[in-house]
Amino acid sequence: MPTSINTIDVYVREFIPTTPRDPTFSILRNLFVRSFDEFYNKIENQLNIKSQKNLLQWLDETFDEEQELILSRKYRCFILYTYDKNDLKEIISGFLTLKEEEQGSVYIAQVAVHLDMKRRGYGAQLLKHLHDIYPANTKYWGLCRRANRPALQFYLKLGAQFMENDDIATKYGYNPELYTGFEFVDTVPVIASTVPSVLKRSPRIEKSEQLQQAAATVVTPDQQNPSSSTNDEQILQQQQLKLSKKPVQCCTVA
């Protein structure tokens, strides 16, 4: 008896809402809170959350800020969808927000993947999509909590390097003791070429050549080389040790 194999199409679309009542916001909010709560609840005492707020309240308020920035067009938001052609189900599986800056620089604000769909390469696919919408040699950078080791390892595996200048965190109102900057020195186009595609494209759903280029999913470096996690952990520790030796400037905790 033949066995049915699920085929999942993956594609990215920009989300351009016109009202805070857009139902997509509630989906993104739930995805964001659940995704970050999974790890943050284990290190809550390291997050320096303001008093009288629990973790879920803090994450909810953080998304409020993201939503406002998206609505005001200060941030662009890109949503990754997965479509199961057997079950005929389309699911929002992740999203990325960013801020376009001057001189070919893009600030990566948030990358969140559905709690049940992590470690499938979807976060890397969101970053890969930036290659389709921005010119070559665009600089991509962001800030990440030092305590968020899964996120630090994620960016490190994709080729990012930690920024040694603590002024970057201070400039954006973050405590450099809690946050470190990262940047893609070789830019996302180079990173994207190292991430192989494993799923089919979906011309039925895509409406433009640009979206068709994004309609593929990826495997993570851990799936290709199980031993890479140990090496990345060692590199991460070395870079964090190097950063920890720099003097800390006074700043405002966001």
Protein backbone atom coordinates (compact mmCIF):
# COMPACT_ATOMS: atom_id res chain seq x y z
CA MET A 1 0.00 0.00 0.00
CA PRO A 2 1.54 3.35 -1.03
CA THR A 3 2.64 5.75 1.67
CA SER A 4 1.68 9.41 1.52
CA ILE A 5 4.58 11.83 2.03
CA ASN A 6 3.75 15.32 3.25
CA THR A 7 5.06 18.06 1.00
CA ILE A 8 5.35 21.44 2.65
CA ASP A 9 5.80 24.66 0.72
CA VAL A 10 7.50 27.56 2.46
CA TYR A 11 7.19 31.17 1.34
CA VAL A 12 7.59 34.67 2.73
CA ARG A 13 5.28 37.65 2.34
CA GLU A 14 5.52 41.17 3.64
CA PHE A 15 2.85 42.09 6.17
CA ILE A 16 1.58 45.65 5.66
CA PRO A 17 -1.35 46.21 8.05
CA THR A 18 -3.57 49.28 8.05
CA THR A 19 -5.27 48.78 11.41
CA PRO A 20 -4.29 47.39 14.83
CA ARG A 21 -7.39 45.22 14.56
CA ASP A 22 -5.85 43.18 11.76
CA PRO A 23 -6.34 39.54 12.90
CA THR A 24 -2.80 38.68 11.83
CA PHE A 25 -1.49 40.69 14.76
CA SER A 26 -3.10 38.34 17.27
CA ILE A 27 -1.46 35.37 15.56
CA LEU A 28 1.94 37.06 15.55
CA ARG A 29 1.54 38.09 19.18
CA ASN A 30 0.79 34.54 20.32
CA LEU A 31 3.67 33.18 18.25
CA PHE A 32 6.08 35.80 19.64
CA VAL A 33 5.13 35.32 23.29
CA ARG A 34 5.19 31.52 23.16
CA SER A 35 8.43 31.41 21.19
CA PHE A 36 10.39 33.61 23.58
CA ASP A 37 8.72 32.31 26.74
CA GLU A 38 10.02 28.82 26.01
CA PHE A 39 13.60 29.82 26.84
CA TYR A 40 13.17 33.06 28.76
CA ASN A 41 11.22 31.37 31.56
CA LYS A 42 14.41 29.41 32.31
CA ILE A 43 16.53 32.55 32.66
CA GLU A 44 13.94 35.03 33.90
CA ASN A 45 16.20 36.21 36.73
CA GLN A 46 18.79 37.30 34.14
CA LEU A 47 16.39 39.40 32.08
CA ASN A 48 16.26 42.38 34.45
CA ILE A 49 12.51 42.76 34.00
CA LYS A 50 11.05 45.80 35.69
CA SER A 51 9.36 45.14 39.03
CA GLN A 52 5.73 44.07 39.30
CA LYS A 53 5.75 42.54 35.83
CA ASN A 54 5.87 38.85 35.09
CA LEU A 55 7.52 37.40 32.02
CA LEU A 56 4.34 37.03 29.97
CA GLN A 57 3.30 40.61 30.68
CA TRP A 58 6.73 41.84 29.67
CA LEU A 59 6.69 39.86 26.42
CA ASP A 60 3.18 41.09 25.67
CA GLU A 61 4.27 44.70 26.13
CA THR A 62 7.33 44.09 23.99
CA PHE A 63 5.07 42.96 21.17
CA ASP A 64 2.88 46.04 21.69
CA GLU A 65 5.94 48.12 20.81
CA GLU A 66 6.67 45.98 17.75
CA GLN A 67 3.07 46.32 16.58
CA GLU A 68 3.16 50.10 16.87
CA LEU A 69 6.41 50.29 14.92
CA ILE A 70 4.95 48.08 12.18
CA LEU A 71 1.77 50.15 11.95
CA SER A 72 3.74 53.39 11.78
CA ARG A 73 5.90 51.93 8.96
CA LYS A 74 9.05 52.44 11.00
CA TYR A 75 9.53 48.68 10.86
CA ARG A 76 8.92 46.29 7.99
CA CYS A 77 7.50 42.88 8.85
CA PHE A 78 7.96 39.69 6.84
CA ILE A 79 5.94 36.58 7.63
CA LEU A 80 7.01 33.03 6.82
CA TYR A 81 4.13 30.73 5.90
CA THR A 82 4.14 26.95 5.61
CA TYR A 83 1.55 25.22 3.45
CA ASP A 84 0.88 21.49 3.75
CA LYS A 85 -0.40 20.39 0.34
CA ASN A 86 -1.86 17.17 1.76
CA ASP A 87 -3.80 18.81 4.58
CA LEU A 88 -4.39 22.03 2.60
CA LYS A 89 -3.38 24.06 5.64
CA GLU A 90 -1.52 27.36 5.63
CA ILE A 91 0.20 28.28 8.89
CA ILE A 92 2.12 31.35 10.00
CA SER A 93 5.34 29.72 11.13
CA GLY A 94 7.55 32.72 11.85
CA PHE A 95 8.18 36.39 11.25
CA LEU A 96 10.96 38.93 11.07
CA THR A 97 10.88 42.66 11.73
CA LEU A 98 13.52 45.12 10.60
CA LYS A 99 14.33 48.79 10.33
CA GLU A 100 15.86 50.29 7.21
CA GLU A 101 18.67 52.69 8.03
CA GLU A 102 20.83 54.99 5.96
CA GLN A 103 23.79 53.97 3.81
CA GLY A 104 22.61 50.46 2.98
CA SER A 105 22.19 49.28 6.57
CA VAL A 106 19.34 47.11 7.87
CA TYR A 107 18.68 46.62 11.58
CA ILE A 108 17.20 43.19 12.37
CA ALA A 109 14.80 43.82 15.24
CA GLN A 110 13.09 40.47 15.87
CA VAL A 111 13.20 36.95 14.48
CA ALA A 112 10.57 34.63 15.93
CA VAL A 113 9.63 31.09 14.90
CA HIS A 114 6.58 29.10 15.97
CA LEU A 115 7.29 27.11 19.13
CA ASP A 116 6.39 23.81 17.45
CA MET A 117 8.43 24.51 14.31
CA LYS A 118 11.82 25.49 15.64
CA ARG A 119 15.04 23.90 14.41
CA ARG A 120 13.69 23.37 10.90
CA GLY A 121 15.63 26.20 9.28
CA TYR A 122 12.73 28.66 9.16
CA GLY A 123 14.65 31.40 10.94
CA ALA A 124 17.45 31.08 8.39
CA GLN A 125 14.85 31.18 5.61
CA LEU A 126 13.56 34.53 6.87
CA LEU A 127 17.07 35.96 6.75
CA LYS A 128 17.62 34.43 3.33
CA HIS A 129 14.57 36.30 2.05
CA LEU A 130 16.34 39.60 2.69
CA HIS A 131 18.62 38.73 -0.22
CA ASP A 132 15.59 38.91 -2.50
CA ILE A 133 14.57 42.43 -1.50
CA TYR A 134 17.82 44.25 -0.74
CA PRO A 135 20.83 44.84 -2.99
CA ALA A 136 24.13 43.05 -2.57
CA ASN A 137 26.53 44.42 0.05
CA THR A 138 23.70 45.56 2.31
CA LYS A 139 24.85 45.50 5.93
CA TYR A 140 22.65 43.49 8.32
CA TRP A 141 23.05 43.84 12.06
CA GLY A 142 21.10 43.64 15.32
CA LEU A 143 21.18 43.41 19.10
CA CYS A 144 20.69 40.24 21.13
CA ARG A 145 20.51 39.47 24.82
CA ARG A 146 23.72 37.92 26.06
CA ALA A 147 21.67 35.44 28.11
CA ASN A 148 19.76 34.27 25.03
CA ARG A 149 22.25 31.60 24.05
CA PRO A 150 20.01 29.87 21.45
CA ALA A 151 19.65 33.16 19.56
CA LEU A 152 23.36 33.93 19.81
CA GLN A 153 24.21 30.47 18.47
CA PHE A 154 21.62 30.87 15.68
CA TYR A 155 23.23 34.06 14.37
CA LEU A 156 26.73 32.67 14.87
CA LYS A 157 25.95 29.57 12.79
CA LEU A 158 24.70 31.77 9.95
CA GLY A 159 27.98 33.66 9.83
CA ALA A 160 27.37 36.63 12.13
CA GLN A 161 30.09 38.10 14.30
CA PHE A 162 29.71 39.89 17.61
CA MET A 163 30.35 43.63 17.58
CA GLU A 164 32.93 44.70 20.13
CA ASN A 165 31.65 48.29 20.34
CA ASP A 166 29.40 48.56 23.40
CA ASP A 167 28.31 52.01 22.23
CA ILE A 168 25.95 50.30 19.77
CA ALA A 169 23.78 48.95 22.59
CA THR A 170 23.95 52.23 24.51
CA LYS A 171 23.00 54.23 21.40
CA TYR A 172 19.71 52.37 21.14
CA GLY A 173 18.93 52.57 24.86
CA TYR A 174 20.01 49.07 25.83
CA ASN A 175 22.33 47.99 28.60
CA PRO A 176 25.60 46.64 27.11
CA GLU A 177 25.90 44.31 30.09
CA LEU A 178 22.69 42.63 28.93
CA TYR A 179 22.92 43.06 25.14
CA THR A 180 25.56 42.50 22.50
CA GLY A 181 25.55 43.62 18.89
CA PHE A 182 25.99 41.25 15.96
CA GLU A 183 26.56 41.83 12.27
CA PHE A 184 26.86 39.79 9.11
CA VAL A 185 30.30 40.71 7.81
CA ASP A 186 29.87 38.82 4.53
CA THR A 187 26.21 39.91 4.23
CA VAL A 188 23.14 37.72 3.87
CA PRO A 189 23.68 36.83 0.16
CA VAL A 190 26.79 34.85 1.14
CA ILE A 191 25.04 33.32 4.13
CA ALA A 192 22.07 32.27 2.00
CA SER A 193 24.31 30.38 -0.42
CA THR A 194 25.46 28.10 2.41
CA VAL A 195 21.92 27.04 3.36
CA PRO A 196 20.63 24.29 1.03
CA SER A 197 17.00 24.03 -0.02
CA VAL A 198 15.05 20.84 0.71
CA LEU A 199 11.42 21.58 -0.11
CA LYS A 200 9.59 22.38 -3.32
CA ARG A 201 8.59 25.78 -4.62
CA SER A 202 4.94 26.77 -4.69
CA PRO A 203 4.01 28.63 -7.90
CA ARG A 204 0.35 28.17 -7.00
CA ILE A 205 0.71 30.47 -4.03
CA GLU A 206 3.48 32.82 -5.14
CA LYS A 207 2.41 35.82 -7.16
CA SER A 208 5.78 37.29 -8.07
CA GLU A 209 9.24 36.11 -9.07
CA GLN A 210 10.60 37.62 -5.89
CA LEU A 211 8.36 35.48 -3.70
CA GLN A 212 9.09 32.39 -5.78
CA GLN A 213 12.77 32.81 -4.96
CA ALA A 214 11.86 32.60 -1.28
CA ALA A 215 9.62 29.54 -1.62
CA ALA A 216 12.04 26.96 -0.26
CA THR A 217 12.85 25.74 3.18
CA VAL A 218 16.24 24.86 4.60
CA VAL A 219 18.03 22.50 6.92
CA THR A 220 19.99 23.82 9.84
CA PRO A 221 23.73 23.31 10.32
CA ASP A 222 22.94 20.94 13.21
CA GLN A 223 21.08 18.66 10.81
CA GLN A 224 24.03 18.60 8.43
CA ASN A 225 26.72 18.18 11.07
CA PRO A 226 25.63 17.13 14.58
CA SER A 227 29.07 17.94 15.98
CA SER A 228 28.85 21.59 14.88
CA SER A 229 26.92 22.54 18.01
CA THR A 230 29.92 21.82 20.22
CA ASN A 231 32.23 23.87 18.02
CA ASP A 232 29.78 26.78 17.92
CA GLU A 233 29.47 26.65 21.70
CA GLN A 234 33.23 26.99 22.04
CA ILE A 235 33.36 29.90 19.59
CA LEU A 236 30.46 31.58 21.37
CA GLN A 237 32.22 31.29 24.73
CA GLN A 238 35.45 32.69 23.28
CA GLN A 239 33.71 35.69 21.71
CA GLN A 240 31.65 36.40 24.83
CA LEU A 241 34.78 36.22 26.99
CA LYS A 242 36.45 38.73 24.69
CA LEU A 243 33.46 41.06 24.86
CA SER A 244 33.15 40.76 28.64
CA LYS A 245 36.60 42.31 29.10
CA LYS A 246 35.47 45.66 27.66
CA PRO A 247 34.50 48.46 30.08
CA VAL A 248 30.76 48.92 30.56
CA GLN A 249 29.27 52.35 30.02
CA CYS A 250 26.27 53.73 31.86
CA CYS A 251 23.02 53.51 30.01
CA THR A 252 19.24 53.15 30.25
CA VAL A 253 17.78 49.66 30.52
CA ALA A 254 15.02 49.14 27.99
